[in-house]
N, C-alpha and C. Protein backbone atom coordinates (compact mmCIF):
# COMPACT_ATOMS: atom_id res chain seq x y z
N MET A 1 78.21 103.95 116.86
CA MET A 1 78.98 103.34 115.80
C MET A 1 79.23 101.90 116.21
N LEU A 2 78.98 100.98 115.32
CA LEU A 2 79.17 99.56 115.55
C LEU A 2 80.42 99.11 114.82
N VAL A 3 81.41 98.61 115.60
CA VAL A 3 82.70 98.21 115.02
C VAL A 3 82.95 96.75 115.43
N PRO A 4 83.37 95.89 114.46
CA PRO A 4 83.58 94.48 114.78
C PRO A 4 84.63 94.26 115.88
N ALA A 5 85.75 94.97 115.79
CA ALA A 5 86.84 94.81 116.77
C ALA A 5 87.61 96.13 116.85
N PRO A 6 88.27 96.38 117.95
CA PRO A 6 89.05 97.63 118.05
C PRO A 6 90.11 97.76 116.95
N ALA A 7 90.70 96.64 116.51
CA ALA A 7 91.72 96.73 115.47
C ALA A 7 91.14 97.12 114.12
N ARG A 8 89.85 96.95 113.89
CA ARG A 8 89.22 97.32 112.65
C ARG A 8 88.89 98.83 112.62
N LEU A 9 88.87 99.46 113.77
CA LEU A 9 88.59 100.89 113.83
C LEU A 9 89.77 101.69 113.30
N ALA A 10 90.98 101.33 113.73
CA ALA A 10 92.18 101.98 113.31
C ALA A 10 93.36 101.05 113.52
N ARG A 11 94.36 101.15 112.65
CA ARG A 11 95.53 100.28 112.78
C ARG A 11 96.60 100.93 113.67
N ARG A 12 96.43 102.16 114.05
CA ARG A 12 97.33 102.81 114.96
C ARG A 12 96.62 103.08 116.28
N GLU A 13 97.27 102.72 117.37
CA GLU A 13 96.64 102.83 118.67
C GLU A 13 96.25 104.25 119.01
N ALA A 14 97.10 105.21 118.64
CA ALA A 14 96.81 106.63 118.93
C ALA A 14 95.55 107.09 118.16
N TYR A 15 95.41 106.67 116.89
CA TYR A 15 94.23 107.02 116.11
C TYR A 15 92.97 106.40 116.70
N GLN A 16 93.13 105.18 117.17
CA GLN A 16 91.99 104.48 117.78
C GLN A 16 91.46 105.24 118.97
N VAL A 17 92.36 105.69 119.83
CA VAL A 17 91.94 106.45 121.02
C VAL A 17 91.28 107.76 120.62
N VAL A 18 91.84 108.44 119.63
CA VAL A 18 91.24 109.72 119.19
C VAL A 18 89.85 109.48 118.61
N TRP A 19 89.70 108.44 117.78
CA TRP A 19 88.38 108.13 117.16
C TRP A 19 87.34 107.90 118.24
N VAL A 20 87.67 107.07 119.23
CA VAL A 20 86.72 106.75 120.26
C VAL A 20 86.37 108.01 121.07
N GLU A 21 87.35 108.79 121.45
CA GLU A 21 87.11 110.02 122.21
C GLU A 21 86.25 111.00 121.43
N GLU A 22 86.54 111.18 120.15
CA GLU A 22 85.77 112.10 119.33
C GLU A 22 84.33 111.64 119.17
N CYS A 23 84.13 110.35 118.99
CA CYS A 23 82.77 109.83 118.84
C CYS A 23 81.98 110.03 120.13
N ILE A 24 82.59 109.72 121.24
CA ILE A 24 81.90 109.90 122.52
C ILE A 24 81.63 111.38 122.77
N ARG A 25 82.57 112.24 122.46
CA ARG A 25 82.38 113.68 122.67
C ARG A 25 81.25 114.21 121.77
N GLY A 26 81.13 113.61 120.57
CA GLY A 26 80.07 114.03 119.65
C GLY A 26 78.70 113.42 119.94
N GLY A 27 78.63 112.58 120.99
CA GLY A 27 77.33 112.01 121.36
C GLY A 27 77.05 110.68 120.73
N CYS A 28 78.04 110.10 120.05
CA CYS A 28 77.86 108.82 119.37
C CYS A 28 78.34 107.69 120.32
N GLU A 29 77.59 106.65 120.40
CA GLU A 29 77.98 105.52 121.22
C GLU A 29 78.86 104.56 120.37
N VAL A 30 79.97 104.13 120.93
CA VAL A 30 80.89 103.22 120.25
C VAL A 30 80.67 101.86 120.85
N VAL A 31 80.35 100.86 119.99
CA VAL A 31 80.10 99.50 120.44
C VAL A 31 81.01 98.58 119.63
N PHE A 32 81.85 97.80 120.35
CA PHE A 32 82.68 96.78 119.71
C PHE A 32 81.95 95.46 119.86
N VAL A 33 81.85 94.71 118.75
CA VAL A 33 81.12 93.46 118.74
C VAL A 33 81.85 92.39 119.54
N GLN A 34 83.18 92.29 119.35
CA GLN A 34 83.95 91.23 119.97
C GLN A 34 84.44 91.57 121.36
N GLN A 35 84.22 92.78 121.82
CA GLN A 35 84.72 93.21 123.13
C GLN A 35 83.92 94.41 123.57
N SER A 36 83.80 94.59 124.85
CA SER A 36 83.08 95.75 125.35
C SER A 36 84.05 96.92 125.51
N LEU A 37 83.57 98.10 125.36
CA LEU A 37 84.35 99.31 125.57
C LEU A 37 84.14 99.71 127.01
N GLY A 38 84.99 99.20 127.88
CA GLY A 38 84.82 99.41 129.30
C GLY A 38 85.54 100.66 129.79
N VAL A 39 85.23 101.01 131.00
CA VAL A 39 85.87 102.17 131.62
C VAL A 39 86.82 101.76 132.73
N SER A 40 86.88 100.47 133.05
CA SER A 40 87.79 100.03 134.10
C SER A 40 89.22 100.09 133.59
N PRO A 41 90.20 100.23 134.45
CA PRO A 41 91.60 100.28 134.03
C PRO A 41 92.03 99.01 133.26
N GLU A 42 91.50 97.85 133.68
CA GLU A 42 91.89 96.61 133.00
C GLU A 42 91.38 96.58 131.57
N GLU A 43 90.14 97.03 131.37
CA GLU A 43 89.56 97.02 130.03
C GLU A 43 90.26 98.06 129.12
N GLN A 44 90.64 99.21 129.72
CA GLN A 44 91.36 100.19 128.93
C GLN A 44 92.76 99.68 128.55
N LEU A 45 93.41 98.95 129.47
CA LEU A 45 94.70 98.39 129.17
C LEU A 45 94.60 97.35 128.03
N LEU A 46 93.59 96.51 128.09
CA LEU A 46 93.37 95.51 127.05
C LEU A 46 93.12 96.18 125.70
N LEU A 47 92.36 97.24 125.69
CA LEU A 47 92.09 97.96 124.44
C LEU A 47 93.37 98.55 123.88
N GLN A 48 94.25 99.11 124.75
CA GLN A 48 95.50 99.68 124.28
C GLN A 48 96.45 98.61 123.78
N MET A 49 96.48 97.48 124.47
CA MET A 49 97.35 96.39 124.04
C MET A 49 96.92 95.85 122.68
N GLN A 50 95.61 95.72 122.47
CA GLN A 50 95.14 95.25 121.18
C GLN A 50 95.46 96.24 120.08
N GLY A 51 95.38 97.53 120.41
CA GLY A 51 95.78 98.55 119.44
C GLY A 51 97.24 98.47 119.08
N GLY A 52 98.08 98.20 120.08
CA GLY A 52 99.51 98.03 119.82
C GLY A 52 99.79 96.82 118.96
N PHE A 53 99.11 95.71 119.23
CA PHE A 53 99.26 94.51 118.40
C PHE A 53 98.80 94.75 116.97
N ALA A 54 97.71 95.48 116.80
CA ALA A 54 97.23 95.78 115.46
C ALA A 54 98.23 96.64 114.70
N GLU A 55 98.86 97.57 115.39
CA GLU A 55 99.87 98.42 114.76
C GLU A 55 101.08 97.56 114.33
N TYR A 56 101.49 96.65 115.21
CA TYR A 56 102.61 95.76 114.89
C TYR A 56 102.27 94.86 113.70
N GLU A 57 101.04 94.34 113.67
CA GLU A 57 100.62 93.48 112.59
C GLU A 57 100.63 94.25 111.26
N ARG A 58 100.19 95.47 111.29
CA ARG A 58 100.20 96.32 110.06
C ARG A 58 101.59 96.52 109.56
N ALA A 59 102.55 96.77 110.46
CA ALA A 59 103.93 96.96 110.06
C ALA A 59 104.50 95.67 109.44
N LEU A 60 104.14 94.52 109.99
CA LEU A 60 104.59 93.25 109.44
C LEU A 60 104.05 93.03 108.03
N ILE A 61 102.77 93.32 107.85
CA ILE A 61 102.14 93.15 106.54
C ILE A 61 102.80 94.05 105.50
N GLN A 62 103.09 95.29 105.87
CA GLN A 62 103.73 96.21 104.96
C GLN A 62 105.12 95.71 104.57
N GLU A 63 105.88 95.25 105.56
CA GLU A 63 107.23 94.77 105.27
C GLU A 63 107.22 93.52 104.40
N ARG A 64 106.31 92.61 104.66
CA ARG A 64 106.21 91.39 103.83
C ARG A 64 105.81 91.73 102.39
N THR A 65 104.88 92.66 102.26
CA THR A 65 104.45 93.09 100.92
C THR A 65 105.60 93.73 100.17
N ARG A 66 106.36 94.58 100.85
CA ARG A 66 107.51 95.23 100.22
C ARG A 66 108.53 94.20 99.78
N ARG A 67 108.86 93.25 100.67
CA ARG A 67 109.84 92.22 100.31
C ARG A 67 109.33 91.35 99.15
N GLY A 68 108.05 91.04 99.12
CA GLY A 68 107.49 90.26 98.04
C GLY A 68 107.56 90.97 96.71
N ARG A 69 107.30 92.26 96.71
CA ARG A 69 107.40 93.04 95.46
C ARG A 69 108.83 93.13 94.98
N VAL A 70 109.77 93.34 95.89
CA VAL A 70 111.17 93.39 95.52
C VAL A 70 111.60 92.05 94.93
N PHE A 71 111.21 90.97 95.58
CA PHE A 71 111.57 89.64 95.08
C PHE A 71 110.98 89.39 93.69
N ALA A 72 109.71 89.75 93.50
CA ALA A 72 109.09 89.55 92.21
C ALA A 72 109.74 90.41 91.13
N ALA A 73 110.14 91.63 91.47
CA ALA A 73 110.79 92.51 90.50
C ALA A 73 112.15 91.94 90.09
N ARG A 74 112.87 91.37 91.06
CA ARG A 74 114.13 90.77 90.74
C ARG A 74 114.00 89.52 89.85
N GLN A 75 112.86 88.87 89.96
CA GLN A 75 112.57 87.71 89.12
C GLN A 75 112.01 88.11 87.77
N GLY A 76 111.73 89.38 87.59
CA GLY A 76 111.20 89.87 86.32
C GLY A 76 109.69 89.72 86.25
N ARG A 77 109.02 89.50 87.37
CA ARG A 77 107.57 89.30 87.40
C ARG A 77 106.91 90.50 88.07
N VAL A 78 106.93 91.62 87.41
CA VAL A 78 106.33 92.84 87.96
C VAL A 78 104.90 92.98 87.44
N ASN A 79 103.95 92.77 88.29
CA ASN A 79 102.54 92.92 87.94
C ASN A 79 101.81 93.44 89.18
N TRP A 80 101.72 94.77 89.30
CA TRP A 80 101.14 95.38 90.51
C TRP A 80 99.74 95.88 90.23
N GLY A 81 99.04 95.29 89.35
CA GLY A 81 97.68 95.74 89.09
C GLY A 81 97.33 95.62 87.63
N ASN A 82 96.07 95.82 87.33
CA ASN A 82 95.62 95.74 85.96
C ASN A 82 95.74 97.12 85.31
N PRO A 83 96.20 97.16 84.06
CA PRO A 83 96.28 98.46 83.38
C PRO A 83 94.87 98.97 83.08
N PRO A 84 94.73 100.27 83.00
CA PRO A 84 93.38 100.87 82.72
C PRO A 84 92.92 100.55 81.34
């Protein structure tokens, strides 16, 4: 499996670890374009830290989106998509 970055595989660090382990167990090679999937403790720590930062970034995006929608609703500008 070719993945651009570890954060693109999963936004939660726990899911990322499970995905990689399941792929390896199933005989699939996991290749990250921007980083190598190493087996050294330092490389594993870096992978976990990046997963944690991706999870934090996801939470920030969700909170900002929620606040933006609440602000727009209070202004009377509710448009969350195109009607069918």
